[in-house]
Amino acid sequence: KMTLLQTQTASSSASISFTSNIDSTYPIYLFKFINIHPATDNVKLTVGFRDGGTDYDAVKTTTAFYAYHKEDDSGTGLDYSTAYDLAQSTSFQNIAFELGNDNDQCCSGTMHLFNPSSTTFVKHFISNFQNIRYDNMSENEYVAGYCNTTTAIDGVQFKMSSGNIDSGTIKLYGIKGT
């Protein structure tokens, strides 16, 4: 069962932070991203995790790949992207790539965060986005990894690699296990 916990709508927002409702109530948290549009062209949507402090700098190890189709039908493919991987890094993780800021460009997708309140295990996450890039390419992007900490994750922040989140909505759901 999914329970809507919070909705945030961007309006030229430097970042969107979820600092409440991420606790031991649910074993799975789901973020839904609806029509996320950047203010700046050719930027990435990124995520950072907070592990008890004030910074979103939990150590992460991740992997990323994407499938694409160019609008002019000049190419398609499936690529593993080492440039978007992190290895024991405190940097924000790219989860949607090369976003365009034209009116017909945006991204939508999901991100699952598993058992963030555990003080025994690392915290896994998986994201999937559909994006119309700055160069008019349709791209489906997958990122997965884990926060390498046994400290509870109590906050999640989303921001662009440069510029603001011009518009869009992010919804946070809690999911009960069976």
Foldseek 3Di string as FASTA:
>chain_A
DKDWDDKDKDAQAQKDKDQPPQAQPFQKKKKKWFFFAFPDFFWFKWKFWDQPDDDRFQFKFKWKKKWKAAPVRPDTDIGTDPVQTDDRGRDTGGFGGQFGRDPVWGKIWMKMWGRQQALPAWIKMKIWMWTQHNNRMTMIMIMIITRPHSGGTRMMMIGIPDGGRNIIMMIMIGDHDD
